[in-house]
Each structure stands twice: as structure tokens, then as C-alpha cells.
C-alpha atoms as a PDB file:
ATOM      1  CA  UNK A   1      -0.043  -0.028   0.112  1.00  0.00           C
ATOM      2  CA  UNK A   2       2.683   2.235  -1.036  1.00  0.00           C
ATOM      3  CA  UNK A   3       0.132   4.193  -3.229  1.00  0.00           C
ATOM      4  CA  UNK A   4      -0.256   7.810  -1.783  1.00  0.00           C
ATOM      5  CA  UNK A   5      -4.068   8.442  -2.893  1.00  0.00           C
ATOM      6  CA  UNK A   6      -4.917   4.924  -1.068  1.00  0.00           C
ATOM      7  CA  UNK A   7      -3.305   5.808   2.102  1.00  0.00           C
ATOM      8  CA  UNK A   8      -4.694   9.355   2.346  1.00  0.00           C
ATOM      9  CA  UNK A   9      -7.937   7.200   1.221  1.00  0.00           C
ATOM     10  CA  UNK A  10      -7.816   4.550   3.928  1.00  0.00           C
ATOM     11  CA  UNK A  11      -6.741   7.016   6.651  1.00  0.00           C
ATOM     12  CA  UNK A  12      -6.962   5.820  10.143  1.00  0.00           C
ATOM     13  CA  UNK A  13      -8.060   2.548   8.503  1.00  0.00           C
ATOM     14  CA  UNK A  14      -5.028   1.834   7.157  1.00  0.00           C
ATOM     15  CA  UNK A  15      -3.536  -2.181   8.156  1.00  0.00           C
ATOM     16  CA  UNK A  16      -0.148  -1.744   9.599  1.00  0.00           C
ATOM     17  CA  UNK A  17       2.141  -5.023  10.134  1.00  0.00           C
ATOM     18  CA  UNK A  18       3.974  -5.740  13.169  1.00  0.00           C
ATOM     19  CA  UNK A  19       6.776  -4.348  12.202  1.00  0.00           C
ATOM     20  CA  UNK A  20       5.754  -0.820  11.829  1.00  0.00           C
ATOM     21  CA  UNK A  21       3.566  -1.452  14.704  1.00  0.00           C
ATOM     22  CA  UNK A  22       6.614  -2.225  17.076  1.00  0.00           C
ATOM     23  CA  UNK A  23       8.173   0.652  15.462  1.00  0.00           C
ATOM     24  CA  UNK A  24       5.469   3.236  16.212  1.00  0.00           C
ATOM     25  CA  UNK A  25       5.031   2.151  20.017  1.00  0.00           C
ATOM     26  CA  UNK A  26       8.800   1.388  20.465  1.00  0.00           C
ATOM     27  CA  UNK A  27       8.780  -2.103  21.617  1.00  0.00           C
ATOM     28  CA  UNK A  28       9.793  -5.340  19.756  1.00  0.00           C
ATOM     29  CA  UNK A  29       8.130  -7.555  17.524  1.00  0.00           C
ATOM     30  CA  UNK A  30       8.621 -10.134  20.753  1.00  0.00           C
ATOM     31  CA  UNK A  31       6.741  -8.033  23.098  1.00  0.00           C
ATOM     32  CA  UNK A  32       3.624  -7.327  20.324  1.00  0.00           C
ATOM     33  CA  UNK A  33       3.532 -11.181  20.043  1.00  0.00           C
ATOM     34  CA  UNK A  34       3.742 -11.706  23.411  1.00  0.00           C
ATOM     35  CA  UNK A  35       0.939  -9.340  24.550  1.00  0.00           C
ATOM     36  CA  UNK A  36      -1.522 -10.788  21.909  1.00  0.00           C
ATOM     37  CA  UNK A  37      -0.835 -14.578  23.876  1.00  0.00           C
ATOM     38  CA  UNK A  38      -1.768 -12.563  27.226  1.00  0.00           C
ATOM     39  CA  UNK A  39      -4.731 -10.617  25.307  1.00  0.00           C
ATOM     40  CA  UNK A  40      -3.116  -7.560  25.724  1.00  0.00           C
ATOM     41  CA  UNK A  41      -2.048  -4.277  23.976  1.00  0.00           C
ATOM     42  CA  UNK A  42      -3.719  -3.005  21.171  1.00  0.00           C
ATOM     43  CA  UNK A  43      -6.350  -4.398  19.131  1.00  0.00           C
ATOM     44  CA  UNK A  44      -5.658  -6.382  15.942  1.00  0.00           C
ATOM     45  CA  UNK A  45      -7.259  -8.161  13.377  1.00  0.00           C
ATOM     46  CA  UNK A  46      -5.945 -11.926  11.865  1.00  0.00           C
ATOM     47  CA  UNK A  47      -6.818 -12.800   8.433  1.00  0.00           C
ATOM     48  CA  UNK A  48      -5.604 -16.285   8.522  1.00  0.00           C
ATOM     49  CA  UNK A  49      -1.944 -16.255   9.993  1.00  0.00           C
ATOM     50  CA  UNK A  50      -1.801 -12.525   9.211  1.00  0.00           C
ATOM     51  CA  UNK A  51      -1.852 -10.201  12.319  1.00  0.00           C
ATOM     52  CA  UNK A  52      -2.849  -6.614  11.109  1.00  0.00           C
ATOM     53  CA  UNK A  53      -3.288  -3.783  13.434  1.00  0.00           C
ATOM     54  CA  UNK A  54      -5.428  -0.760  12.533  1.00  0.00           C
ATOM     55  CA  UNK A  55      -3.889   2.848  12.320  1.00  0.00           C
ATOM     56  CA  UNK A  56      -7.322   4.016  14.481  1.00  0.00           C
ATOM     57  CA  UNK A  57      -6.615   1.509  16.783  1.00  0.00           C
ATOM     58  CA  UNK A  58      -3.112   2.103  17.409  1.00  0.00           C
ATOM     59  CA  UNK A  59      -4.053   5.846  17.777  1.00  0.00           C
ATOM     60  CA  UNK A  60      -6.522   4.911  20.699  1.00  0.00           C
ATOM     61  CA  UNK A  61      -4.247   2.472  22.438  1.00  0.00           C
ATOM     62  CA  UNK A  62      -1.934   5.310  22.834  1.00  0.00           C
ATOM     63  CA  UNK A  63      -4.524   7.780  23.780  1.00  0.00           C
ATOM     64  CA  UNK A  64      -5.891   5.223  26.493  1.00  0.00           C
ATOM     65  CA  UNK A  65      -2.218   4.655  28.169  1.00  0.00           C
ATOM     66  CA  UNK A  66      -2.118   8.751  28.450  1.00  0.00           C
ATOM     67  CA  UNK A  67      -0.845   9.334  31.700  1.00  0.00           C
ATOM     68  CA  UNK A  68      -0.944  12.931  32.954  1.00  0.00           C
ATOM     69  CA  UNK A  69       0.755  13.701  35.867  1.00  0.00           C
ATOM     70  CA  UNK A  70      -0.393  16.119  38.723  1.00  0.00           C
END
């Protein structure tokens, strides 16, 4: 999905692979794999054995884990 027009059209529905999400969150692929097996971490989808994450779900996960100190 390197088509700029398609990326713009999909926006937050754009699907990211495990490697892209690991980079965005600053964690390893192994950490994401562990989170999935522990039913933790961001929402994901599976297509057969392929795991993908929607950009909107990653943004929501980041927002949910935001900590605002007093």
C-alpha cells in the first residue's frame, strides 16, 4: 500500500503490520507477540496467520495509555 492516494483514502483504517506497529510503539516484535498471547496491547485483526493493526486502533491504544501527572 505505498500508493499515496490509497493511503489518504484509507486514513485511520490503514492497516499496519507487526513491524510497523512495533516501531511506532517503541517495542520489539516479540513484545507485541507476547501481548497478543496474553490478550494485552492494542486491538488487532487476523487474516489467516497474518496479523494487522488498524492505525485508528493504535492511536486509541496510545491515548488510553496516556498518563498526565498532577
